[in-house]
Amino acid sequence: MFFMFFILIIVVVPIVFASSPFVIGEEKAGGYEYTVIKEQNTFTWKIGHQDNISTLVENKDNNEDLERFRIAVEDINMEIFNIIISASYFLIVVITTLFFYKKKKQIPKGVGAIITIFVGIALYYTIVNSINLNTAFQDAKFY
């Protein structure tokens, strides 16, 4: 009985898993989303924006556009994270500066220059990431 059960697991389980569809990738960001489902030798994509979801079967004609949509959605997610990090850095610099200003009642010129550089770096990265986020939104909308 144990031997038959063991053979059944070895033979049947790989066949069931090989023929059943499974999700190989999914992402949601900024209202855009995609899900890639592998069924035997085909890939089915569910893509959309907010409540407008479309289902497409990947072929050689739409393969590149689907990949670009996937990259755009992943970029949206990454740029939102980058904006949060750079804005947090900006807030940390500002709060630290205010804390020391209240404690000392004056900021020396050398320290002020360093703080200005740190604030400038934070604003620069926040602006660059905002531009990249806008580009990723436009790419996702296009594809």
C-alpha atoms as a PDB file:
ATOM      1  CA  MET A   1       0.000   0.000   0.000  1.00  0.00           C
ATOM      2  CA  PHE A   2       2.836   2.409   0.886  1.00  0.00           C
ATOM      3  CA  PHE A   3       4.626   1.574  -2.372  1.00  0.00           C
ATOM      4  CA  MET A   4       1.475   2.309  -4.442  1.00  0.00           C
ATOM      5  CA  PHE A   5       0.953   5.614  -2.626  1.00  0.00           C
ATOM      6  CA  PHE A   6       4.589   6.563  -3.234  1.00  0.00           C
ATOM      7  CA  ILE A   7       4.343   5.753  -6.978  1.00  0.00           C
ATOM      8  CA  LEU A   8       1.093   7.712  -7.193  1.00  0.00           C
ATOM      9  CA  ILE A   9       2.775  10.803  -5.717  1.00  0.00           C
ATOM     10  CA  ILE A  10       5.801  10.504  -7.991  1.00  0.00           C
ATOM     11  CA  VAL A  11       3.747  10.069 -11.174  1.00  0.00           C
ATOM     12  CA  VAL A  12       0.543  12.062 -10.665  1.00  0.00           C
ATOM     13  CA  VAL A  13       1.660  15.155  -8.717  1.00  0.00           C
ATOM     14  CA  PRO A  14       4.149  16.447 -11.351  1.00  0.00           C
ATOM     15  CA  ILE A  15       1.548  15.974 -14.083  1.00  0.00           C
ATOM     16  CA  VAL A  16      -1.094  17.906 -12.118  1.00  0.00           C
ATOM     17  CA  PHE A  17       1.308  20.756 -11.327  1.00  0.00           C
ATOM     18  CA  ALA A  18       2.601  20.907 -14.906  1.00  0.00           C
ATOM     19  CA  SER A  19      -0.879  21.197 -16.398  1.00  0.00           C
ATOM     20  CA  SER A  20      -2.411  23.577 -13.868  1.00  0.00           C
ATOM     21  CA  PRO A  21      -2.105  27.333 -14.445  1.00  0.00           C
ATOM     22  CA  PHE A  22      -0.124  29.397 -11.971  1.00  0.00           C
ATOM     23  CA  VAL A  23       0.709  33.051 -11.490  1.00  0.00           C
ATOM     24  CA  ILE A  24       4.312  33.859 -12.376  1.00  0.00           C
ATOM     25  CA  GLY A  25       4.138  37.601 -11.796  1.00  0.00           C
ATOM     26  CA  GLU A  26       1.857  40.337 -10.565  1.00  0.00           C
ATOM     27  CA  GLU A  27       2.216  43.946  -9.522  1.00  0.00           C
ATOM     28  CA  LYS A  28      -0.004  46.899  -8.616  1.00  0.00           C
ATOM     29  CA  ALA A  29       1.151  50.497  -8.525  1.00  0.00           C
ATOM     30  CA  GLY A  30      -0.476  53.865  -9.081  1.00  0.00           C
ATOM     31  CA  GLY A  31      -3.775  52.356 -10.185  1.00  0.00           C
ATOM     32  CA  TYR A  32      -2.086  50.189 -12.835  1.00  0.00           C
ATOM     33  CA  GLU A  33      -1.817  46.444 -12.450  1.00  0.00           C
ATOM     34  CA  TYR A  34      -0.830  43.288 -14.244  1.00  0.00           C
ATOM     35  CA  THR A  35      -0.945  39.566 -13.574  1.00  0.00           C
ATOM     36  CA  VAL A  36       0.895  37.010 -15.697  1.00  0.00           C
ATOM     37  CA  ILE A  37      -0.530  33.473 -15.671  1.00  0.00           C
ATOM     38  CA  LYS A  38       1.321  30.559 -17.255  1.00  0.00           C
ATOM     39  CA  GLU A  39      -0.905  27.868 -18.705  1.00  0.00           C
ATOM     40  CA  GLN A  40       1.025  25.021 -20.328  1.00  0.00           C
ATOM     41  CA  ASN A  41       2.932  26.841 -23.117  1.00  0.00           C
ATOM     42  CA  THR A  42       1.026  30.137 -23.157  1.00  0.00           C
ATOM     43  CA  PHE A  43       1.132  33.251 -21.022  1.00  0.00           C
ATOM     44  CA  THR A  44      -2.110  35.056 -20.224  1.00  0.00           C
ATOM     45  CA  TRP A  45      -1.863  38.677 -19.063  1.00  0.00           C
ATOM     46  CA  LYS A  46      -4.504  40.512 -17.072  1.00  0.00           C
ATOM     47  CA  ILE A  47      -3.612  44.173 -17.356  1.00  0.00           C
ATOM     48  CA  GLY A  48      -5.481  47.299 -16.499  1.00  0.00           C
ATOM     49  CA  HIS A  49      -5.911  50.652 -14.871  1.00  0.00           C
ATOM     50  CA  GLN A  50      -8.232  51.013 -11.866  1.00  0.00           C
ATOM     51  CA  ASP A  51     -11.404  49.015 -12.725  1.00  0.00           C
ATOM     52  CA  ASN A  52     -10.706  48.595 -16.455  1.00  0.00           C
ATOM     53  CA  ILE A  53      -9.094  45.117 -16.710  1.00  0.00           C
ATOM     54  CA  SER A  54      -8.243  43.421 -20.004  1.00  0.00           C
ATOM     55  CA  THR A  55      -7.130  39.848 -20.574  1.00  0.00           C
ATOM     56  CA  LEU A  56      -4.590  39.187 -23.336  1.00  0.00           C
ATOM     57  CA  VAL A  57      -2.795  36.100 -24.546  1.00  0.00           C
ATOM     58  CA  GLU A  58       0.871  36.819 -25.165  1.00  0.00           C
ATOM     59  CA  ASN A  59       2.073  36.315 -28.721  1.00  0.00           C
ATOM     60  CA  LYS A  60       4.944  37.599 -30.822  1.00  0.00           C
ATOM     61  CA  ASP A  61       2.964  40.700 -31.857  1.00  0.00           C
ATOM     62  CA  ASN A  62       2.207  41.988 -28.343  1.00  0.00           C
ATOM     63  CA  ASN A  63       5.124  40.484 -26.378  1.00  0.00           C
ATOM     64  CA  GLU A  64       7.224  43.665 -26.418  1.00  0.00           C
ATOM     65  CA  ASP A  65       4.320  45.954 -25.462  1.00  0.00           C
ATOM     66  CA  LEU A  66       3.324  43.710 -22.543  1.00  0.00           C
ATOM     67  CA  GLU A  67       6.905  43.637 -21.267  1.00  0.00           C
ATOM     68  CA  ARG A  68       7.138  47.425 -21.497  1.00  0.00           C
ATOM     69  CA  PHE A  69       3.861  47.758 -19.585  1.00  0.00           C
ATOM     70  CA  ARG A  70       5.246  45.418 -16.911  1.00  0.00           C
ATOM     71  CA  ILE A  71       8.439  47.479 -16.656  1.00  0.00           C
ATOM     72  CA  ALA A  72       6.436  50.734 -16.449  1.00  0.00           C
ATOM     73  CA  VAL A  73       4.292  49.423 -13.576  1.00  0.00           C
ATOM     74  CA  GLU A  74       7.386  48.210 -11.720  1.00  0.00           C
ATOM     75  CA  ASP A  75       9.031  51.597 -12.320  1.00  0.00           C
ATOM     76  CA  ILE A  76       6.000  53.367 -10.844  1.00  0.00           C
ATOM     77  CA  ASN A  77       6.307  51.262  -7.719  1.00  0.00           C
ATOM     78  CA  MET A  78      10.064  51.867  -7.435  1.00  0.00           C
ATOM     79  CA  GLU A  79       9.838  55.621  -8.047  1.00  0.00           C
ATOM     80  CA  ILE A  80       7.126  56.035  -5.405  1.00  0.00           C
ATOM     81  CA  PHE A  81       9.455  54.290  -2.968  1.00  0.00           C
ATOM     82  CA  ASN A  82      12.379  56.520  -4.047  1.00  0.00           C
ATOM     83  CA  ILE A  83      10.289  59.677  -3.567  1.00  0.00           C
ATOM     84  CA  ILE A  84       9.305  58.551  -0.075  1.00  0.00           C
ATOM     85  CA  ILE A  85      12.959  57.916   0.802  1.00  0.00           C
ATOM     86  CA  SER A  86      14.238  61.246  -0.570  1.00  0.00           C
ATOM     87  CA  ALA A  87      11.372  63.229   0.987  1.00  0.00           C
ATOM     88  CA  SER A  88      12.044  61.499   4.310  1.00  0.00           C
ATOM     89  CA  TYR A  89      15.704  62.470   4.029  1.00  0.00           C
ATOM     90  CA  PHE A  90      14.641  66.068   3.397  1.00  0.00           C
ATOM     91  CA  LEU A  91      12.375  66.039   6.463  1.00  0.00           C
ATOM     92  CA  ILE A  92      15.123  64.553   8.632  1.00  0.00           C
ATOM     93  CA  VAL A  93      17.533  67.322   7.592  1.00  0.00           C
ATOM     94  CA  VAL A  94      14.929  70.036   8.215  1.00  0.00           C
ATOM     95  CA  ILE A  95      13.844  68.649  11.595  1.00  0.00           C
ATOM     96  CA  THR A  96      17.448  68.202  12.717  1.00  0.00           C
ATOM     97  CA  THR A  97      18.261  71.750  11.663  1.00  0.00           C
ATOM     98  CA  LEU A  98      15.262  73.159  13.529  1.00  0.00           C
ATOM     99  CA  PHE A  99      16.171  71.144  16.622  1.00  0.00           C
ATOM    100  CA  PHE A 100      19.728  72.511  16.694  1.00  0.00           C
ATOM    101  CA  TYR A 101      18.544  76.034  15.891  1.00  0.00           C
ATOM    102  CA  LYS A 102      16.147  76.022  18.843  1.00  0.00           C
ATOM    103  CA  LYS A 103      18.863  74.646  21.092  1.00  0.00           C
ATOM    104  CA  LYS A 104      21.672  77.022  20.016  1.00  0.00           C
ATOM    105  CA  LYS A 105      19.530  79.976  18.818  1.00  0.00           C
ATOM    106  CA  GLN A 106      21.998  80.420  15.949  1.00  0.00           C
ATOM    107  CA  ILE A 107      23.457  78.351  13.143  1.00  0.00           C
ATOM    108  CA  PRO A 108      27.133  78.971  12.303  1.00  0.00           C
ATOM    109  CA  LYS A 109      27.928  79.820   8.658  1.00  0.00           C
ATOM    110  CA  GLY A 110      29.939  76.634   8.049  1.00  0.00           C
ATOM    111  CA  VAL A 111      27.193  74.424   9.426  1.00  0.00           C
ATOM    112  CA  GLY A 112      24.607  76.411   7.467  1.00  0.00           C
ATOM    113  CA  ALA A 113      26.485  75.720   4.248  1.00  0.00           C
ATOM    114  CA  ILE A 114      26.583  71.996   4.970  1.00  0.00           C
ATOM    115  CA  ILE A 115      22.878  71.976   5.815  1.00  0.00           C
ATOM    116  CA  THR A 116      22.137  73.858   2.590  1.00  0.00           C
ATOM    117  CA  ILE A 117      24.068  71.218   0.617  1.00  0.00           C
ATOM    118  CA  PHE A 118      22.134  68.406   2.338  1.00  0.00           C
ATOM    119  CA  VAL A 119      18.799  70.131   1.649  1.00  0.00           C
ATOM    120  CA  GLY A 120      19.831  70.717  -1.967  1.00  0.00           C
ATOM    121  CA  ILE A 121      20.719  67.046  -2.426  1.00  0.00           C
ATOM    122  CA  ALA A 122      17.403  65.969  -0.922  1.00  0.00           C
ATOM    123  CA  LEU A 123      15.414  68.350  -3.131  1.00  0.00           C
ATOM    124  CA  TYR A 124      17.397  67.330  -6.219  1.00  0.00           C
ATOM    125  CA  TYR A 125      16.671  63.614  -5.704  1.00  0.00           C
ATOM    126  CA  THR A 126      13.021  64.297  -4.898  1.00  0.00           C
ATOM    127  CA  ILE A 127      12.592  66.307  -8.106  1.00  0.00           C
ATOM    128  CA  VAL A 128      14.467  63.746 -10.247  1.00  0.00           C
ATOM    129  CA  ASN A 129      12.391  60.890  -8.810  1.00  0.00           C
ATOM    130  CA  SER A 130       9.184  62.879  -9.403  1.00  0.00           C
ATOM    131  CA  ILE A 131      10.133  63.367 -13.055  1.00  0.00           C
ATOM    132  CA  ASN A 132      10.926  59.641 -13.370  1.00  0.00           C
ATOM    133  CA  LEU A 133       7.582  58.788 -11.743  1.00  0.00           C
ATOM    134  CA  ASN A 134       5.751  61.020 -14.220  1.00  0.00           C
ATOM    135  CA  THR A 135       7.590  59.303 -17.096  1.00  0.00           C
ATOM    136  CA  ALA A 136       6.671  55.860 -15.745  1.00  0.00           C
ATOM    137  CA  PHE A 137       2.995  56.912 -15.500  1.00  0.00           C
ATOM    138  CA  GLN A 138       3.066  58.138 -19.092  1.00  0.00           C
ATOM    139  CA  ASP A 139       4.699  54.883 -20.260  1.00  0.00           C
ATOM    140  CA  ALA A 140       2.105  52.757 -18.445  1.00  0.00           C
ATOM    141  CA  LYS A 141      -0.709  54.864 -19.905  1.00  0.00           C
ATOM    142  CA  PHE A 142       0.765  54.509 -23.403  1.00  0.00           C
ATOM    143  CA  TYR A 143       1.181  50.746 -23.281  1.00  0.00           C
END
